[in-house]
PDB file of all heavy atoms in Angstrom:
ATOM      1  N   ILE A   1    -148.640  92.897  61.766  1.00  0.00           N
ATOM      2  CA  ILE A   1    -147.472  93.471  62.404  1.00  0.00           C
ATOM      3  C   ILE A   1    -147.072  92.744  63.653  1.00  0.00           C
ATOM      4  O   ILE A   1    -147.915  92.370  64.466  1.00  0.00           O
ATOM      5  CB  ILE A   1    -147.739  94.967  62.733  1.00  0.00           C
ATOM      6  CG1 ILE A   1    -147.997  95.782  61.468  1.00  0.00           C
ATOM      7  CG2 ILE A   1    -146.602  95.586  63.537  1.00  0.00           C
ATOM      8  CD1 ILE A   1    -146.814  95.857  60.542  1.00  0.00           C
ATOM      9  N   ASP A   2    -145.778  92.543  63.851  1.00  0.00           N
ATOM     10  CA  ASP A   2    -145.249  92.020  65.089  1.00  0.00           C
ATOM     11  C   ASP A   2    -145.097  93.179  66.096  1.00  0.00           C
ATOM     12  O   ASP A   2    -144.055  93.821  66.151  1.00  0.00           O
ATOM     13  CB  ASP A   2    -143.870  91.342  64.802  1.00  0.00           C
ATOM     14  CG  ASP A   2    -143.310  90.689  66.041  1.00  0.00           C
ATOM     15  OD1 ASP A   2    -143.756  90.983  67.184  1.00  0.00           O
ATOM     16  OD2 ASP A   2    -142.292  89.944  65.903  1.00  0.00           O
ATOM     17  N   TRP A   3    -146.184  93.496  66.770  1.00  0.00           N
ATOM     18  CA  TRP A   3    -146.249  94.734  67.638  1.00  0.00           C
ATOM     19  C   TRP A   3    -145.217  94.713  68.753  1.00  0.00           C
ATOM     20  O   TRP A   3    -144.597  95.737  69.023  1.00  0.00           O
ATOM     21  CB  TRP A   3    -147.704  94.920  68.142  1.00  0.00           C
ATOM     22  CG  TRP A   3    -148.631  95.279  67.053  1.00  0.00           C
ATOM     23  CD1 TRP A   3    -149.565  94.459  66.461  1.00  0.00           C
ATOM     24  CD2 TRP A   3    -148.693  96.500  66.342  1.00  0.00           C
ATOM     25  NE1 TRP A   3    -150.198  95.106  65.449  1.00  0.00           N
ATOM     26  CE2 TRP A   3    -149.715  96.375  65.365  1.00  0.00           C
ATOM     27  CE3 TRP A   3    -148.012  97.724  66.407  1.00  0.00           C
ATOM     28  CZ2 TRP A   3    -150.044  97.423  64.475  1.00  0.00           C
ATOM     29  CZ3 TRP A   3    -148.343  98.745  65.544  1.00  0.00           C
ATOM     30  CH2 TRP A   3    -149.357  98.572  64.612  1.00  0.00           C
ATOM     31  N   PRO A   4    -145.021  93.599  69.468  1.00  0.00           N
ATOM     32  CA  PRO A   4    -144.008  93.611  70.501  1.00  0.00           C
ATOM     33  C   PRO A   4    -142.611  93.867  69.955  1.00  0.00           C
ATOM     34  O   PRO A   4    -141.794  94.596  70.569  1.00  0.00           O
ATOM     35  CB  PRO A   4    -144.061  92.179  71.114  1.00  0.00           C
ATOM     36  CG  PRO A   4    -145.470  91.732  70.819  1.00  0.00           C
ATOM     37  CD  PRO A   4    -145.804  92.331  69.475  1.00  0.00           C
ATOM     38  N   ALA A   5    -142.269  93.340  68.784  1.00  0.00           N
ATOM     39  CA  ALA A   5    -140.974  93.625  68.172  1.00  0.00           C
ATOM     40  C   ALA A   5    -140.866  95.093  67.791  1.00  0.00           C
ATOM     41  O   ALA A   5    -139.796  95.712  68.009  1.00  0.00           O
ATOM     42  CB  ALA A   5    -140.742  92.743  66.919  1.00  0.00           C
ATOM     43  N   LEU A   6    -141.875  95.634  67.222  1.00  0.00           N
ATOM     44  CA  LEU A   6    -141.883  97.072  66.888  1.00  0.00           C
ATOM     45  C   LEU A   6    -141.694  97.934  68.107  1.00  0.00           C
ATOM     46  O   LEU A   6    -140.874  98.889  68.143  1.00  0.00           O
ATOM     47  CB  LEU A   6    -143.146  97.504  66.129  1.00  0.00           C
ATOM     48  CG  LEU A   6    -143.300  98.990  65.830  1.00  0.00           C
ATOM     49  CD1 LEU A   6    -142.112  99.461  64.930  1.00  0.00           C
ATOM     50  CD2 LEU A   6    -144.612  99.230  65.154  1.00  0.00           C
ATOM     51  N   ALA A   7    -142.408  97.632  69.187  1.00  0.00           N
ATOM     52  CA  ALA A   7    -142.298  98.389  70.425  1.00  0.00           C
ATOM     53  C   ALA A   7    -140.874  98.308  70.989  1.00  0.00           C
ATOM     54  O   ALA A   7    -140.284  99.306  71.431  1.00  0.00           O
ATOM     55  CB  ALA A   7    -143.281  97.913  71.448  1.00  0.00           C
ATOM     56  N   ALA A   8    -140.289  97.132  70.932  1.00  0.00           N
ATOM     57  CA  ALA A   8    -138.900  96.963  71.437  1.00  0.00           C
ATOM     58  C   ALA A   8    -137.920  97.779  70.613  1.00  0.00           C
ATOM     59  O   ALA A   8    -137.026  98.392  71.164  1.00  0.00           O
ATOM     60  CB  ALA A   8    -138.545  95.455  71.390  1.00  0.00           C
ATOM     61  N   VAL A   9    -138.082  97.735  69.285  1.00  0.00           N
ATOM     62  CA  VAL A   9    -137.138  98.540  68.430  1.00  0.00           C
ATOM     63  C   VAL A   9    -137.366 100.049  68.735  1.00  0.00           C
ATOM     64  O   VAL A   9    -136.341 100.771  68.872  1.00  0.00           O
ATOM     65  CB  VAL A   9    -137.429  98.228  66.941  1.00  0.00           C
ATOM     66  CG1 VAL A   9    -136.724  99.253  66.012  1.00  0.00           C
ATOM     67  CG2 VAL A   9    -136.902  96.811  66.597  1.00  0.00           C
ATOM     68  N   LEU A  10    -138.579 100.515  68.800  1.00  0.00           N
ATOM     69  CA  LEU A  10    -138.820 101.904  69.093  1.00  0.00           C
ATOM     70  C   LEU A  10    -138.265 102.344  70.430  1.00  0.00           C
ATOM     71  O   LEU A  10    -137.650 103.409  70.553  1.00  0.00           O
ATOM     72  CB  LEU A  10    -140.332 102.233  69.023  1.00  0.00           C
ATOM     73  CG  LEU A  10    -140.995 102.217  67.647  1.00  0.00           C
ATOM     74  CD1 LEU A  10    -142.508 102.389  67.768  1.00  0.00           C
ATOM     75  CD2 LEU A  10    -140.346 103.188  66.700  1.00  0.00           C
ATOM     76  N   ASP A  11    -138.419 101.507  71.453  1.00  0.00           N
ATOM     77  CA  ASP A  11    -137.875 101.810  72.782  1.00  0.00           C
ATOM     78  C   ASP A  11    -136.384 101.883  72.749  1.00  0.00           C
ATOM     79  O   ASP A  11    -135.785 102.755  73.355  1.00  0.00           O
ATOM     80  CB  ASP A  11    -138.337 100.744  73.805  1.00  0.00           C
ATOM     81  CG  ASP A  11    -139.808 100.907  74.108  1.00  0.00           C
ATOM     82  OD1 ASP A  11    -140.396 101.933  73.799  1.00  0.00           O
ATOM     83  OD2 ASP A  11    -140.364  99.928  74.712  1.00  0.00           O
ATOM     84  N   GLU A  12    -135.740 100.959  72.053  1.00  0.00           N
ATOM     85  CA  GLU A  12    -134.245 100.992  71.988  1.00  0.00           C
ATOM     86  C   GLU A  12    -133.769 102.213  71.209  1.00  0.00           C
ATOM     87  O   GLU A  12    -132.798 102.811  71.609  1.00  0.00           O
ATOM     88  CB  GLU A  12    -133.735  99.689  71.379  1.00  0.00           C
ATOM     89  CG  GLU A  12    -132.211  99.529  71.603  1.00  0.00           C
ATOM     90  CD  GLU A  12    -131.672  98.139  71.370  1.00  0.00           C
ATOM     91  OE1 GLU A  12    -132.449  97.184  71.340  1.00  0.00           O
ATOM     92  OE2 GLU A  12    -130.437  98.088  71.171  1.00  0.00           O
ATOM     93  N   ILE A  13    -134.448 102.542  70.133  1.00  0.00           N
ATOM     94  CA  ILE A  13    -134.091 103.752  69.394  1.00  0.00           C
ATOM     95  C   ILE A  13    -134.220 105.010  70.277  1.00  0.00           C
ATOM     96  O   ILE A  13    -133.373 105.868  70.303  1.00  0.00           O
ATOM     97  CB  ILE A  13    -134.972 103.901  68.131  1.00  0.00           C
ATOM     98  CG1 ILE A  13    -134.532 102.853  67.083  1.00  0.00           C
ATOM     99  CG2 ILE A  13    -134.832 105.297  67.558  1.00  0.00           C
ATOM    100  CD1 ILE A  13    -135.463 102.764  65.861  1.00  0.00           C
ATOM    101  N   ALA A  14    -135.328 105.081  71.041  1.00  0.00           N
ATOM    102  CA  ALA A  14    -135.572 106.238  71.895  1.00  0.00           C
ATOM    103  C   ALA A  14    -134.519 106.360  72.996  1.00  0.00           C
ATOM    104  O   ALA A  14    -134.222 107.467  73.407  1.00  0.00           O
ATOM    105  CB  ALA A  14    -136.994 106.120  72.514  1.00  0.00           C
ATOM    106  N   SER A  15    -133.951 105.266  73.410  1.00  0.00           N
ATOM    107  CA  SER A  15    -132.932 105.274  74.463  1.00  0.00           C
ATOM    108  C   SER A  15    -131.551 105.456  73.870  1.00  0.00           C
ATOM    109  O   SER A  15    -130.532 105.369  74.596  1.00  0.00           O
ATOM    110  CB  SER A  15    -133.009 104.067  75.333  1.00  0.00           C
ATOM    111  OG  SER A  15    -132.656 102.935  74.628  1.00  0.00           O
ATOM    112  N   GLY A  16    -131.436 105.664  72.539  1.00  0.00           N
ATOM    113  CA  GLY A  16    -130.116 105.878  71.896  1.00  0.00           C
ATOM    114  C   GLY A  16    -129.428 104.602  71.534  1.00  0.00           C
ATOM    115  O   GLY A  16    -128.225 104.657  71.185  1.00  0.00           O
ATOM    116  N   GLY A  17    -130.104 103.505  71.567  1.00  0.00           N
ATOM    117  CA  GLY A  17    -129.515 102.226  71.262  1.00  0.00           C
ATOM    118  C   GLY A  17    -129.381 101.990  69.778  1.00  0.00           C
ATOM    119  O   GLY A  17    -129.704 102.817  68.926  1.00  0.00           O
ATOM    120  N   ARG A  18    -128.823 100.807  69.418  1.00  0.00           N
ATOM    121  CA  ARG A  18    -128.584 100.396  68.036  1.00  0.00           C
ATOM    122  C   ARG A  18    -129.270  99.037  67.793  1.00  0.00           C
ATOM    123  O   ARG A  18    -128.555  98.056  67.598  1.00  0.00           O
ATOM    124  CB  ARG A  18    -127.115 100.332  67.749  1.00  0.00           C
ATOM    125  CG  ARG A  18    -126.373 101.644  67.944  1.00  0.00           C
ATOM    126  CD  ARG A  18    -124.865 101.471  67.733  1.00  0.00           C
ATOM    127  NE  ARG A  18    -124.513 100.855  66.468  1.00  0.00           N
ATOM    128  CZ  ARG A  18    -124.358 101.500  65.295  1.00  0.00           C
ATOM    129  NH1 ARG A  18    -124.606 102.799  65.222  1.00  0.00           N
ATOM    130  NH2 ARG A  18    -124.045 100.833  64.205  1.00  0.00           N
ATOM    131  N   PRO A  19    -130.594  99.027  67.807  1.00  0.00           N
ATOM    132  CA  PRO A  19    -131.275  97.744  67.653  1.00  0.00           C
ATOM    133  C   PRO A  19    -131.154  97.174  66.269  1.00  0.00           C
ATOM    134  O   PRO A  19    -131.032  97.938  65.302  1.00  0.00           O
ATOM    135  CB  PRO A  19    -132.748  98.093  67.929  1.00  0.00           C
ATOM    136  CG  PRO A  19    -132.882  99.501  67.492  1.00  0.00           C
ATOM    137  CD  PRO A  19    -131.535 100.125  67.877  1.00  0.00           C
ATOM    138  N   PRO A  20    -131.245  95.854  66.142  1.00  0.00           N
ATOM    139  CA  PRO A  20    -131.374  95.282  64.765  1.00  0.00           C
ATOM    140  C   PRO A  20    -132.773  95.542  64.292  1.00  0.00           C
ATOM    141  O   PRO A  20    -133.771  95.319  65.006  1.00  0.00           O
ATOM    142  CB  PRO A  20    -131.125  93.760  65.023  1.00  0.00           C
ATOM    143  CG  PRO A  20    -131.444  93.547  66.474  1.00  0.00           C
ATOM    144  CD  PRO A  20    -131.177  94.833  67.193  1.00  0.00           C
ATOM    145  N   VAL A  21    -132.900  96.058  63.034  1.00  0.00           N
ATOM    146  CA  VAL A  21    -134.214  96.369  62.493  1.00  0.00           C
ATOM    147  C   VAL A  21    -134.495  95.309  61.414  1.00  0.00           C
ATOM    148  O   VAL A  21    -133.771  95.258  60.437  1.00  0.00           O
ATOM    149  CB  VAL A  21    -134.221  97.784  61.916  1.00  0.00           C
ATOM    150  CG1 VAL A  21    -135.563  98.120  61.269  1.00  0.00           C
ATOM    151  CG2 VAL A  21    -133.900  98.841  62.984  1.00  0.00           C
ATOM    152  N   PRO A  22    -135.586  94.581  61.597  1.00  0.00           N
ATOM    153  CA  PRO A  22    -135.902  93.565  60.603  1.00  0.00           C
ATOM    154  C   PRO A  22    -136.182  94.200  59.206  1.00  0.00           C
ATOM    155  O   PRO A  22    -136.691  95.290  59.120  1.00  0.00           O
ATOM    156  CB  PRO A  22    -137.209  92.923  61.124  1.00  0.00           C
ATOM    157  CG  PRO A  22    -137.258  93.286  62.588  1.00  0.00           C
ATOM    158  CD  PRO A  22    -136.562  94.598  62.715  1.00  0.00           C
ATOM    159  N   ARG A  23    -135.815  93.473  58.168  1.00  0.00           N
ATOM    160  CA  ARG A  23    -136.067  93.875  56.808  1.00  0.00           C
ATOM    161  C   ARG A  23    -137.077  92.894  56.233  1.00  0.00           C
ATOM    162  O   ARG A  23    -137.071  91.728  56.607  1.00  0.00           O
ATOM    163  CB  ARG A  23    -134.819  93.899  56.001  1.00  0.00           C
ATOM    164  CG  ARG A  23    -133.825  94.989  56.409  1.00  0.00           C
ATOM    165  CD  ARG A  23    -132.629  95.081  55.534  1.00  0.00           C
ATOM    166  NE  ARG A  23    -131.869  93.844  55.534  1.00  0.00           N
ATOM    167  CZ  ARG A  23    -130.979  93.546  54.566  1.00  0.00           C
ATOM    168  NH1 ARG A  23    -130.772  94.336  53.591  1.00  0.00           N
ATOM    169  NH2 ARG A  23    -130.377  92.393  54.578  1.00  0.00           N
ATOM    170  N   TYR A  24    -137.887  93.398  55.311  1.00  0.00           N
ATOM    171  CA  TYR A  24    -138.928  92.563  54.761  1.00  0.00           C
ATOM    172  C   TYR A  24    -138.698  92.389  53.271  1.00  0.00           C
ATOM    173  O   TYR A  24    -138.388  93.337  52.554  1.00  0.00           O
ATOM    174  CB  TYR A  24    -140.295  93.202  55.022  1.00  0.00           C
ATOM    175  CG  TYR A  24    -141.447  92.292  54.739  1.00  0.00           C
ATOM    176  CD1 TYR A  24    -141.787  91.280  55.602  1.00  0.00           C
ATOM    177  CD2 TYR A  24    -142.184  92.465  53.580  1.00  0.00           C
ATOM    178  CE1 TYR A  24    -142.869  90.439  55.314  1.00  0.00           C
ATOM    179  CE2 TYR A  24    -143.253  91.627  53.282  1.00  0.00           C
ATOM    180  CZ  TYR A  24    -143.600  90.602  54.169  1.00  0.00           C
ATOM    181  OH  TYR A  24    -144.628  89.766  53.884  1.00  0.00           O
ATOM    182  N   ASP A  25    -138.894  91.198  52.776  1.00  0.00           N
ATOM    183  CA  ASP A  25    -138.763  90.866  51.393  1.00  0.00           C
ATOM    184  C   ASP A  25    -140.196  90.812  50.820  1.00  0.00           C
ATOM    185  O   ASP A  25    -140.917  89.833  51.000  1.00  0.00           O
ATOM    186  CB  ASP A  25    -138.071  89.535  51.184  1.00  0.00           C
ATOM    187  CG  ASP A  25    -137.840  89.128  49.744  1.00  0.00           C
ATOM    188  OD1 ASP A  25    -138.650  89.607  48.898  1.00  0.00           O
ATOM    189  OD2 ASP A  25    -136.923  88.391  49.469  1.00  0.00           O
ATOM    190  N   PHE A  26    -140.604  91.883  50.124  1.00  0.00           N
ATOM    191  CA  PHE A  26    -141.966  91.977  49.624  1.00  0.00           C
ATOM    192  C   PHE A  26    -142.260  91.037  48.489  1.00  0.00           C
ATOM    193  O   PHE A  26    -143.421  90.693  48.284  1.00  0.00           O
ATOM    194  CB  PHE A  26    -142.230  93.441  49.191  1.00  0.00           C
ATOM    195  CG  PHE A  26    -142.330  94.384  50.382  1.00  0.00           C
ATOM    196  CD1 PHE A  26    -141.249  95.107  50.795  1.00  0.00           C
ATOM    197  CD2 PHE A  26    -143.522  94.526  51.046  1.00  0.00           C
ATOM    198  CE1 PHE A  26    -141.306  95.973  51.849  1.00  0.00           C
ATOM    199  CE2 PHE A  26    -143.591  95.397  52.153  1.00  0.00           C
ATOM    200  CZ  PHE A  26    -142.502  96.090  52.568  1.00  0.00           C
ATOM    201  N   ALA A  27    -141.255  90.631  47.763  1.00  0.00           N
ATOM    202  CA  ALA A  27    -141.492  89.701  46.696  1.00  0.00           C
ATOM    203  C   ALA A  27    -141.798  88.271  47.205  1.00  0.00           C
ATOM    204  O   ALA A  27    -142.575  87.558  46.642  1.00  0.00           O
ATOM    205  CB  ALA A  27    -140.265  89.642  45.750  1.00  0.00           C
ATOM    206  N   ARG A  28    -141.187  87.923  48.357  1.00  0.00           N
ATOM    207  CA  ARG A  28    -141.350  86.571  48.922  1.00  0.00           C
ATOM    208  C   ARG A  28    -142.351  86.595  50.112  1.00  0.00           C
ATOM    209  O   ARG A  28    -142.669  85.541  50.651  1.00  0.00           O
ATOM    210  CB  ARG A  28    -140.055  85.970  49.351  1.00  0.00           C
ATOM    211  CG  ARG A  28    -139.094  85.741  48.160  1.00  0.00           C
ATOM    212  CD  ARG A  28    -137.840  85.033  48.583  1.00  0.00           C
ATOM    213  NE  ARG A  28    -137.325  85.608  49.853  1.00  0.00           N
ATOM    214  CZ  ARG A  28    -136.350  85.064  50.545  1.00  0.00           C
ATOM    215  NH1 ARG A  28    -135.819  83.957  50.184  1.00  0.00           N
ATOM    216  NH2 ARG A  28    -135.944  85.622  51.636  1.00  0.00           N
ATOM    217  N   HIS A  29    -142.788  87.757  50.552  1.00  0.00           N
ATOM    218  CA  HIS A  29    -143.775  87.881  51.655  1.00  0.00           C
ATOM    219  C   HIS A  29    -143.196  87.298  52.973  1.00  0.00           C
ATOM    220  O   HIS A  29    -143.931  86.670  53.738  1.00  0.00           O
ATOM    221  CB  HIS A  29    -145.090  87.237  51.311  1.00  0.00           C
ATOM    222  CG  HIS A  29    -145.706  87.767  50.054  1.00  0.00           C
ATOM    223  ND1 HIS A  29    -146.256  88.986  49.955  1.00  0.00           N
ATOM    224  CD2 HIS A  29    -145.801  87.156  48.833  1.00  0.00           C
ATOM    225  CE1 HIS A  29    -146.693  89.190  48.715  1.00  0.00           C
ATOM    226  NE2 HIS A  29    -146.431  88.073  48.023  1.00  0.00           N
ATOM    227  N   THR A  30    -141.894  87.522  53.221  1.00  0.00           N
ATOM    228  CA  THR A  30    -141.272  87.050  54.414  1.00  0.00           C
ATOM    229  C   THR A  30    -140.207  88.072  54.874  1.00  0.00           C
ATOM    230  O   THR A  30    -139.797  88.876  54.100  1.00  0.00           O
ATOM    231  CB  THR A  30    -140.568  85.679  54.211  1.00  0.00           C
ATOM    232  OG1 THR A  30    -139.587  85.833  53.218  1.00  0.00           O
ATOM    233  CG2 THR A  30    -141.567  84.592  53.861  1.00  0.00           C
ATOM    234  N   ARG A  31    -139.781  87.895  56.111  1.00  0.00           N
ATOM    235  CA  ARG A  31    -138.670  88.715  56.573  1.00  0.00           C
ATOM    236  C   ARG A  31    -137.394  88.314  55.880  1.00  0.00           C
ATOM    237  O   ARG A  31    -137.177  87.112  55.632  1.00  0.00           O
ATOM    238  CB  ARG A  31    -138.461  88.553  58.087  1.00  0.00           C
ATOM    239  CG  ARG A  31    -139.398  89.370  58.889  1.00  0.00           C
ATOM    240  CD  ARG A  31    -139.042  89.363  60.354  1.00  0.00           C
ATOM    241  NE  ARG A  31    -140.077  90.047  61.111  1.00  0.00           N
ATOM    242  CZ  ARG A  31    -140.153  89.980  62.416  1.00  0.00           C
ATOM    243  NH1 ARG A  31    -139.261  89.328  63.116  1.00  0.00           N
ATOM    244  NH2 ARG A  31    -141.108  90.649  63.031  1.00  0.00           N
ATOM    245  N   HIS A  32    -136.576  89.276  55.607  1.00  0.00           N
ATOM    246  CA  HIS A  32    -135.262  89.019  55.015  1.00  0.00           C
ATOM    247  C   HIS A  32    -134.408  88.385  56.115  1.00  0.00           C
ATOM    248  O   HIS A  32    -134.561  88.688  57.274  1.00  0.00           O
ATOM    249  CB  HIS A  32    -134.629  90.376  54.533  1.00  0.00           C
ATOM    250  CG  HIS A  32    -133.429  90.245  53.755  1.00  0.00           C
ATOM    251  ND1 HIS A  32    -132.199  90.028  54.261  1.00  0.00           N
ATOM    252  CD2 HIS A  32    -133.243  90.291  52.392  1.00  0.00           C
ATOM    253  CE1 HIS A  32    -131.291  89.966  53.324  1.00  0.00           C
ATOM    254  NE2 HIS A  32    -131.908  90.133  52.191  1.00  0.00           N
ATOM    255  N   GLY A  33    -133.516  87.500  55.728  1.00  0.00           N
ATOM    256  CA  GLY A  33    -132.693  86.793  56.688  1.00  0.00           C
ATOM    257  C   GLY A  33    -131.862  87.618  57.614  1.00  0.00           C
ATOM    258  O   GLY A  33    -131.634  87.302  58.753  1.00  0.00           O
ATOM    259  N   ARG A  34    -131.367  88.759  57.100  1.00  0.00           N
ATOM    260  CA  ARG A  34    -130.423  89.564  57.919  1.00  0.00           C
ATOM    261  C   ARG A  34    -131.000  90.934  58.226  1.00  0.00           C
ATOM    262  O   ARG A  34    -131.272  91.704  57.313  1.00  0.00           O
ATOM    263  CB  ARG A  34    -129.093  89.702  57.193  1.00  0.00           C
ATOM    264  CG  ARG A  34    -128.411  88.370  56.981  1.00  0.00           C
ATOM    265  CD  ARG A  34    -127.132  88.494  56.218  1.00  0.00           C
ATOM    266  NE  ARG A  34    -126.209  89.407  56.861  1.00  0.00           N
ATOM    267  CZ  ARG A  34    -125.156  89.914  56.305  1.00  0.00           C
ATOM    268  NH1 ARG A  34    -124.824  89.560  55.056  1.00  0.00           N
ATOM    269  NH2 ARG A  34    -124.357  90.744  56.947  1.00  0.00           N
ATOM    270  N   PRO A  35    -131.167  91.281  59.476  1.00  0.00           N
ATOM    271  CA  PRO A  35    -131.692  92.624  59.829  1.00  0.00           C
ATOM    272  C   PRO A  35    -130.603  93.657  59.588  1.00  0.00           C
ATOM    273  O   PRO A  35    -129.418  93.293  59.454  1.00  0.00           O
ATOM    274  CB  PRO A  35    -132.024  92.516  61.299  1.00  0.00           C
ATOM    275  CG  PRO A  35    -131.181  91.402  61.839  1.00  0.00           C
ATOM    276  CD  PRO A  35    -130.972  90.460  60.684  1.00  0.00           C
TER     277      PRO A  35
END
């Protein structure tokens, strides 16, 4: 897990923000290009 990225997303959500949330491509084992 990318823990700093997760913490940043959770913090922005908690403050009412609209963070980009990474998507994961499970078939290719990589992040999807567009969050």
